N, C-alpha and C. Protein backbone atom coordinates (compact mmCIF):
# COMPACT_ATOMS: atom_id res chain seq x y z
N MET A 1 0.82 -1.20 0.00
CA MET A 1 0.00 0.00 0.00
C MET A 1 0.85 1.25 0.00
N GLY A 2 2.15 1.08 0.18
CA GLY A 2 3.02 2.24 0.17
C GLY A 2 3.22 2.88 1.53
N ASP A 3 2.67 2.24 2.58
CA ASP A 3 2.86 2.81 3.93
C ASP A 3 4.30 2.62 4.37
N LYS A 4 4.75 3.55 5.18
CA LYS A 4 6.12 3.49 5.68
C LYS A 4 6.10 3.21 7.17
N LYS A 5 7.03 2.40 7.64
CA LYS A 5 7.12 2.10 9.05
C LYS A 5 7.52 3.35 9.84
N VAL A 6 7.00 3.45 11.06
CA VAL A 6 7.33 4.59 11.90
C VAL A 6 8.76 4.47 12.41
N SER A 7 9.15 3.27 12.84
CA SER A 7 10.51 3.07 13.32
C SER A 7 11.15 1.96 12.51
N GLY A 8 12.47 1.92 12.60
CA GLY A 8 13.21 0.93 11.84
C GLY A 8 13.11 -0.47 12.43
N GLY A 9 12.60 -0.61 13.62
CA GLY A 9 12.49 -1.90 14.26
C GLY A 9 13.69 -2.18 15.14
N LEU A 10 13.63 -3.33 15.78
CA LEU A 10 14.65 -3.70 16.75
C LEU A 10 16.01 -3.91 16.10
N ILE A 11 16.02 -4.60 14.98
CA ILE A 11 17.29 -4.91 14.33
C ILE A 11 17.94 -3.64 13.80
N GLN A 12 17.14 -2.76 13.23
CA GLN A 12 17.69 -1.51 12.70
C GLN A 12 18.24 -0.65 13.83
N SER A 13 17.57 -0.62 14.97
CA SER A 13 18.07 0.18 16.09
C SER A 13 19.39 -0.38 16.61
N GLN A 14 19.55 -1.72 16.61
CA GLN A 14 20.81 -2.32 17.03
C GLN A 14 21.92 -2.02 16.03
N LEU A 15 21.58 -2.02 14.74
CA LEU A 15 22.58 -1.69 13.71
C LEU A 15 22.99 -0.22 13.82
N ASP A 16 22.05 0.65 14.10
CA ASP A 16 22.36 2.07 14.29
C ASP A 16 23.28 2.25 15.50
N ARG A 17 23.06 1.46 16.53
CA ARG A 17 23.90 1.53 17.72
C ARG A 17 25.33 1.13 17.39
N LEU A 18 25.49 0.15 16.52
CA LEU A 18 26.84 -0.30 16.16
C LEU A 18 27.55 0.66 15.22
N LYS A 19 26.84 1.57 14.60
CA LYS A 19 27.46 2.55 13.71
C LYS A 19 28.02 3.76 14.47
N ASP A 20 27.57 3.97 15.69
CA ASP A 20 28.03 5.10 16.49
C ASP A 20 29.27 4.66 17.29
N PRO A 21 30.45 5.28 17.07
CA PRO A 21 31.66 4.84 17.75
C PRO A 21 31.59 4.98 19.28
N MET A 22 30.96 5.99 19.78
CA MET A 22 30.86 6.17 21.23
C MET A 22 30.01 5.07 21.86
N LYS A 23 28.93 4.71 21.19
CA LYS A 23 28.07 3.66 21.72
C LYS A 23 28.75 2.30 21.66
N VAL A 24 29.56 2.08 20.63
CA VAL A 24 30.30 0.82 20.53
C VAL A 24 31.35 0.75 21.64
N ALA A 25 32.03 1.87 21.91
CA ALA A 25 33.03 1.89 22.97
C ALA A 25 32.38 1.65 24.33
N LEU A 26 31.24 2.25 24.56
CA LEU A 26 30.53 2.05 25.82
C LEU A 26 30.07 0.61 25.96
N LEU A 27 29.57 0.03 24.89
CA LEU A 27 29.15 -1.37 24.90
C LEU A 27 30.34 -2.29 25.21
N GLY A 28 31.48 -2.02 24.59
CA GLY A 28 32.67 -2.82 24.85
C GLY A 28 33.14 -2.69 26.28
N PHE A 29 33.09 -1.47 26.82
CA PHE A 29 33.50 -1.27 28.20
C PHE A 29 32.59 -2.02 29.16
N GLN A 30 31.26 -1.90 28.94
CA GLN A 30 30.31 -2.56 29.83
C GLN A 30 30.45 -4.08 29.76
N GLU A 31 30.64 -4.61 28.58
CA GLU A 31 30.80 -6.07 28.44
C GLU A 31 32.12 -6.52 29.04
N GLY A 32 33.17 -5.72 28.87
CA GLY A 32 34.48 -6.07 29.42
C GLY A 32 34.48 -6.05 30.94
N MET A 33 33.70 -5.17 31.55
CA MET A 33 33.63 -5.10 33.00
C MET A 33 32.97 -6.35 33.59
N GLY A 34 32.27 -7.08 32.77
CA GLY A 34 31.66 -8.32 33.23
C GLY A 34 32.69 -9.38 33.60
N PHE A 35 33.90 -9.26 33.04
CA PHE A 35 34.96 -10.23 33.33
C PHE A 35 35.78 -9.85 34.56
N VAL A 36 35.66 -8.61 35.00
CA VAL A 36 36.40 -8.15 36.19
C VAL A 36 35.55 -8.47 37.42
N PRO A 37 36.13 -9.13 38.42
CA PRO A 37 35.34 -9.44 39.63
C PRO A 37 34.83 -8.16 40.29
N TYR A 38 33.56 -8.11 40.51
CA TYR A 38 32.88 -6.96 41.13
C TYR A 38 33.03 -5.67 40.33
N GLY A 39 33.38 -5.76 39.10
CA GLY A 39 33.55 -4.58 38.26
C GLY A 39 32.24 -3.88 37.96
N GLY A 40 31.18 -4.66 37.88
CA GLY A 40 29.87 -4.07 37.58
C GLY A 40 29.40 -3.12 38.66
N ILE A 41 29.83 -3.34 39.90
CA ILE A 41 29.44 -2.46 41.00
C ILE A 41 30.02 -1.07 40.78
N GLY A 42 31.29 -1.02 40.37
CA GLY A 42 31.94 0.27 40.11
C GLY A 42 31.28 1.02 38.96
N VAL A 43 30.94 0.29 37.91
CA VAL A 43 30.28 0.91 36.76
C VAL A 43 28.93 1.47 37.17
N GLU A 44 28.18 0.73 37.96
CA GLU A 44 26.86 1.21 38.40
C GLU A 44 27.00 2.42 39.31
N ALA A 45 27.99 2.41 40.19
CA ALA A 45 28.22 3.56 41.08
C ALA A 45 28.58 4.78 40.26
N TYR A 46 29.40 4.60 39.23
CA TYR A 46 29.76 5.72 38.36
C TYR A 46 28.53 6.24 37.62
N ARG A 47 27.71 5.35 37.15
CA ARG A 47 26.51 5.75 36.42
C ARG A 47 25.57 6.56 37.32
N VAL A 48 25.41 6.13 38.55
CA VAL A 48 24.55 6.85 39.49
C VAL A 48 25.15 8.21 39.83
N ALA A 49 26.46 8.24 40.09
CA ALA A 49 27.12 9.49 40.44
C ALA A 49 27.10 10.48 39.28
N LYS A 50 27.20 9.96 38.07
CA LYS A 50 27.21 10.83 36.90
C LYS A 50 25.85 11.48 36.69
N ASN A 51 24.80 10.76 36.95
CA ASN A 51 23.47 11.27 36.67
C ASN A 51 22.93 12.17 37.77
N ASP A 52 23.33 11.97 39.01
CA ASP A 52 22.77 12.74 40.11
C ASP A 52 23.89 13.19 41.03
N ASN A 53 24.18 14.47 41.00
CA ASN A 53 25.24 15.00 41.84
C ASN A 53 24.70 15.74 43.05
N SER A 54 23.44 15.51 43.39
CA SER A 54 22.85 16.23 44.51
C SER A 54 23.48 15.84 45.83
N GLN A 55 23.90 14.59 45.98
CA GLN A 55 24.55 14.18 47.22
C GLN A 55 25.90 14.88 47.39
N VAL A 56 26.59 15.10 46.30
CA VAL A 56 27.87 15.81 46.35
C VAL A 56 27.63 17.26 46.74
N ARG A 57 26.61 17.89 46.15
CA ARG A 57 26.30 19.28 46.50
C ARG A 57 25.86 19.40 47.94
N ALA A 58 25.11 18.42 48.43
CA ALA A 58 24.67 18.43 49.83
C ALA A 58 25.86 18.30 50.77
N ALA A 59 26.80 17.43 50.43
CA ALA A 59 27.99 17.28 51.27
C ALA A 59 28.83 18.55 51.26
N ALA A 60 28.92 19.19 50.11
CA ALA A 60 29.66 20.45 50.03
C ALA A 60 29.01 21.53 50.89
N ALA A 61 27.68 21.56 50.89
CA ALA A 61 26.97 22.53 51.73
C ALA A 61 27.24 22.26 53.21
N ARG A 62 27.28 21.00 53.59
CA ARG A 62 27.55 20.66 55.00
C ARG A 62 28.97 21.07 55.41
N PHE A 63 29.92 20.97 54.49
CA PHE A 63 31.29 21.37 54.80
C PHE A 63 31.42 22.89 54.94
N LEU A 64 30.56 23.63 54.28
CA LEU A 64 30.61 25.09 54.40
C LEU A 64 30.16 25.58 55.77
N ALA A 65 29.59 24.72 56.57
CA ALA A 65 29.12 25.12 57.90
C ALA A 65 30.25 25.65 58.76
N HIS A 66 31.44 25.13 58.61
CA HIS A 66 32.56 25.51 59.48
C HIS A 66 33.52 26.48 58.81
N ASP A 67 33.15 26.99 57.65
CA ASP A 67 33.99 27.96 56.95
C ASP A 67 33.74 29.34 57.55
N PRO A 68 34.77 30.03 58.03
CA PRO A 68 34.55 31.32 58.69
C PRO A 68 34.26 32.48 57.73
N ASP A 69 34.43 32.27 56.45
CA ASP A 69 34.22 33.34 55.48
C ASP A 69 32.74 33.73 55.42
N PRO A 70 32.41 35.02 55.54
CA PRO A 70 31.00 35.42 55.46
C PRO A 70 30.35 35.13 54.10
N MET A 71 31.16 35.05 53.06
CA MET A 71 30.61 34.75 51.73
C MET A 71 30.06 33.33 51.68
N SER A 72 30.65 32.41 52.45
CA SER A 72 30.14 31.04 52.46
C SER A 72 28.77 31.00 53.15
N GLY A 73 28.57 31.84 54.15
CA GLY A 73 27.25 31.93 54.79
C GLY A 73 26.21 32.44 53.82
N ASP A 74 26.58 33.43 53.03
CA ASP A 74 25.66 33.96 52.02
C ASP A 74 25.37 32.91 50.95
N ALA A 75 26.39 32.15 50.58
CA ALA A 75 26.20 31.08 49.59
C ALA A 75 25.25 30.02 50.14
N LEU A 76 25.38 29.69 51.42
CA LEU A 76 24.48 28.71 52.02
C LEU A 76 23.03 29.19 52.01
N VAL A 77 22.83 30.46 52.28
CA VAL A 77 21.46 31.00 52.25
C VAL A 77 20.90 30.91 50.83
N GLN A 78 21.72 31.26 49.85
CA GLN A 78 21.26 31.17 48.46
C GLN A 78 20.93 29.74 48.07
N ILE A 79 21.76 28.79 48.51
CA ILE A 79 21.49 27.38 48.22
C ILE A 79 20.21 26.93 48.90
N ALA A 80 20.03 27.34 50.16
CA ALA A 80 18.84 26.95 50.90
C ALA A 80 17.57 27.49 50.27
N LEU A 81 17.68 28.62 49.60
CA LEU A 81 16.49 29.24 49.01
C LEU A 81 16.24 28.81 47.57
N ALA A 82 17.28 28.49 46.82
CA ALA A 82 17.08 28.39 45.38
C ALA A 82 17.51 27.09 44.72
N ASP A 83 18.10 26.15 45.43
CA ASP A 83 18.55 24.93 44.77
C ASP A 83 17.35 24.10 44.30
N ASN A 84 17.53 23.40 43.21
CA ASN A 84 16.44 22.59 42.65
C ASN A 84 16.14 21.34 43.47
N ASN A 85 17.12 20.83 44.18
CA ASN A 85 16.96 19.58 44.91
C ASN A 85 16.66 19.85 46.38
N ALA A 86 15.64 19.22 46.90
CA ALA A 86 15.24 19.44 48.29
C ALA A 86 16.29 18.92 49.28
N THR A 87 17.01 17.87 48.93
CA THR A 87 18.04 17.34 49.82
C THR A 87 19.17 18.36 49.99
N VAL A 88 19.53 19.03 48.92
CA VAL A 88 20.58 20.03 48.98
C VAL A 88 20.11 21.23 49.80
N ARG A 89 18.85 21.63 49.62
CA ARG A 89 18.32 22.75 50.41
C ARG A 89 18.32 22.40 51.90
N GLN A 90 17.96 21.17 52.24
CA GLN A 90 17.96 20.76 53.65
C GLN A 90 19.37 20.72 54.21
N ALA A 91 20.33 20.28 53.43
CA ALA A 91 21.72 20.26 53.89
C ALA A 91 22.23 21.67 54.13
N ALA A 92 21.84 22.60 53.27
CA ALA A 92 22.25 23.99 53.47
C ALA A 92 21.62 24.57 54.73
N LEU A 93 20.38 24.20 55.00
CA LEU A 93 19.73 24.66 56.23
C LEU A 93 20.42 24.08 57.47
N ASP A 94 20.82 22.82 57.40
CA ASP A 94 21.57 22.21 58.51
C ASP A 94 22.89 22.93 58.74
N ALA A 95 23.56 23.28 57.64
CA ALA A 95 24.83 23.99 57.76
C ALA A 95 24.63 25.38 58.37
N LEU A 96 23.56 26.05 57.99
CA LEU A 96 23.27 27.36 58.58
C LEU A 96 22.97 27.23 60.07
N THR A 97 22.33 26.15 60.45
CA THR A 97 22.06 25.91 61.87
C THR A 97 23.38 25.73 62.62
N GLU A 98 24.29 24.97 62.04
CA GLU A 98 25.59 24.76 62.68
C GLU A 98 26.40 26.04 62.78
N ARG A 99 26.30 26.90 61.76
CA ARG A 99 27.05 28.15 61.77
C ARG A 99 26.58 29.06 62.90
N GLY A 100 25.29 29.06 63.18
CA GLY A 100 24.75 29.87 64.26
C GLY A 100 24.69 31.35 63.95
N ASP A 101 24.68 31.71 62.70
CA ASP A 101 24.61 33.12 62.30
C ASP A 101 23.16 33.52 62.12
N ALA A 102 22.66 34.35 63.04
CA ALA A 102 21.25 34.71 63.04
C ALA A 102 20.91 35.83 62.07
N THR A 103 21.88 36.35 61.34
CA THR A 103 21.60 37.45 60.42
C THR A 103 20.81 37.01 59.20
N CYS A 104 20.69 35.72 58.97
CA CYS A 104 20.01 35.23 57.77
C CYS A 104 18.55 34.86 58.03
N ILE A 105 18.05 35.11 59.21
CA ILE A 105 16.68 34.68 59.56
C ILE A 105 15.65 35.29 58.62
N GLU A 106 15.76 36.59 58.37
CA GLU A 106 14.76 37.25 57.52
C GLU A 106 14.75 36.69 56.11
N ARG A 107 15.92 36.39 55.57
CA ARG A 107 15.99 35.84 54.22
C ARG A 107 15.42 34.42 54.17
N LEU A 108 15.59 33.66 55.25
CA LEU A 108 15.12 32.28 55.27
C LEU A 108 13.60 32.18 55.36
N GLN A 109 12.95 33.23 55.79
CA GLN A 109 11.49 33.17 55.95
C GLN A 109 10.77 32.92 54.63
N ARG A 110 11.42 33.23 53.52
CA ARG A 110 10.83 32.92 52.21
C ARG A 110 10.66 31.42 52.02
N ASN A 111 11.51 30.65 52.67
CA ASN A 111 11.47 29.19 52.53
C ASN A 111 10.29 28.56 53.27
N LEU A 112 9.60 29.33 54.08
CA LEU A 112 8.46 28.76 54.82
C LEU A 112 7.27 28.45 53.92
N SER A 113 7.34 28.88 52.67
CA SER A 113 6.29 28.55 51.70
C SER A 113 6.82 27.62 50.61
N ASP A 114 7.87 26.87 50.91
CA ASP A 114 8.45 25.93 49.96
C ASP A 114 7.45 24.81 49.64
N PRO A 115 7.42 24.32 48.41
CA PRO A 115 6.48 23.25 48.07
C PRO A 115 6.75 21.93 48.82
N LYS A 116 7.98 21.71 49.22
CA LYS A 116 8.33 20.48 49.94
C LYS A 116 8.12 20.68 51.44
N VAL A 117 7.36 19.80 52.04
CA VAL A 117 7.03 19.90 53.46
C VAL A 117 8.29 19.78 54.32
N ALA A 118 9.18 18.87 53.95
CA ALA A 118 10.39 18.66 54.75
C ALA A 118 11.25 19.92 54.78
N VAL A 119 11.31 20.63 53.67
CA VAL A 119 12.10 21.87 53.62
C VAL A 119 11.46 22.94 54.49
N ARG A 120 10.13 23.01 54.47
CA ARG A 120 9.43 23.99 55.31
C ARG A 120 9.70 23.73 56.78
N TYR A 121 9.60 22.47 57.20
CA TYR A 121 9.84 22.13 58.61
C TYR A 121 11.29 22.38 59.00
N ARG A 122 12.21 22.02 58.13
CA ARG A 122 13.63 22.24 58.44
C ARG A 122 13.92 23.73 58.52
N THR A 123 13.29 24.52 57.66
CA THR A 123 13.48 25.97 57.71
C THR A 123 12.94 26.54 59.01
N ALA A 124 11.77 26.08 59.42
CA ALA A 124 11.19 26.56 60.68
C ALA A 124 12.10 26.20 61.86
N ALA A 125 12.63 25.00 61.87
CA ALA A 125 13.53 24.58 62.95
C ALA A 125 14.81 25.41 62.94
N THR A 126 15.32 25.71 61.76
CA THR A 126 16.53 26.53 61.65
C THR A 126 16.27 27.93 62.17
N ILE A 127 15.14 28.52 61.79
CA ILE A 127 14.80 29.87 62.25
C ILE A 127 14.63 29.89 63.77
N LEU A 128 13.96 28.89 64.32
CA LEU A 128 13.78 28.84 65.77
C LEU A 128 15.13 28.72 66.48
N HIS A 129 15.99 27.86 65.99
CA HIS A 129 17.30 27.67 66.61
C HIS A 129 18.12 28.95 66.55
N LEU A 130 18.16 29.58 65.38
CA LEU A 130 18.95 30.80 65.23
C LEU A 130 18.37 31.94 66.06
N SER A 131 17.06 32.00 66.18
CA SER A 131 16.43 33.03 67.02
C SER A 131 16.80 32.81 68.49
N ASP A 132 16.81 31.57 68.91
CA ASP A 132 17.18 31.25 70.28
C ASP A 132 18.64 31.64 70.54
N LEU A 133 19.52 31.34 69.60
CA LEU A 133 20.92 31.73 69.75
C LEU A 133 21.08 33.25 69.80
N GLN A 134 20.28 33.93 69.01
CA GLN A 134 20.34 35.39 68.98
C GLN A 134 19.90 35.97 70.33
N LYS A 135 18.83 35.41 70.91
CA LYS A 135 18.37 35.88 72.21
C LYS A 135 19.41 35.61 73.29
N LYS A 136 20.01 34.42 73.26
CA LYS A 136 21.04 34.09 74.25
C LYS A 136 22.24 35.01 74.09
N GLY A 137 22.57 35.35 72.86
CA GLY A 137 23.70 36.25 72.61
C GLY A 137 23.45 37.64 73.13
N THR A 138 22.24 38.16 72.97
CA THR A 138 21.93 39.50 73.48
C THR A 138 21.90 39.49 75.00
N ARG A 139 21.40 38.39 75.59
CA ARG A 139 21.40 38.29 77.05
C ARG A 139 22.84 38.25 77.58
N ARG A 140 23.68 37.50 76.91
CA ARG A 140 25.07 37.37 77.34
C ARG A 140 25.78 38.71 77.24
N LYS A 141 25.54 39.45 76.15
CA LYS A 141 26.15 40.76 75.99
C LYS A 141 25.68 41.73 77.05
N ALA A 142 24.39 41.67 77.38
CA ALA A 142 23.83 42.54 78.40
C ALA A 142 24.43 42.22 79.78
N SER A 143 24.59 40.95 80.10
CA SER A 143 25.17 40.59 81.38
C SER A 143 26.64 40.95 81.46
N GLN A 144 27.36 40.86 80.35
CA GLN A 144 28.77 41.26 80.35
C GLN A 144 28.89 42.77 80.52
N ALA A 145 27.97 43.52 79.93
CA ALA A 145 28.00 44.98 80.07
C ALA A 145 27.73 45.38 81.52
N LEU A 146 26.82 44.66 82.19
CA LEU A 146 26.54 44.95 83.59
C LEU A 146 27.74 44.62 84.48
N GLU A 147 28.45 43.56 84.16
CA GLU A 147 29.62 43.17 84.94
C GLU A 147 30.74 44.20 84.81
N LEU A 148 30.85 44.79 83.62
CA LEU A 148 31.90 45.77 83.41
C LEU A 148 31.63 47.07 84.17
N GLN A 149 30.37 47.36 84.43
CA GLN A 149 30.03 48.60 85.15
C GLN A 149 30.29 48.36 86.58
């Protein structure tokens, strides 16, 4: 009737795969790793790490908690407010909690309307903790001023 197939079919797709040098190299690597004991585990770990780097970004945010540079605190606030991944935003909030810098409370209040419930709760806990630290700090300063008089 003169109709044309929509796709080339299974065999044609396999032949197309063999014509692409990168796909052939990847196929050879994957098949070769089958002969290495436990080699498939490393390949799968690489594949997961390559596709999703959110765990790496979350770990980096946690390490910024102890950095004394004020720019790292600002970076953590930006990550907590704007990162695409909720895990990374939560890690940034944890790091801000560890830093104990209460100057970011007003900026964090935007996160109380985050679509993810876990991020909203973590933000509320961070704000409460930082507010408590701020109150303790003002009390401590006031008592030190009284002692000096």
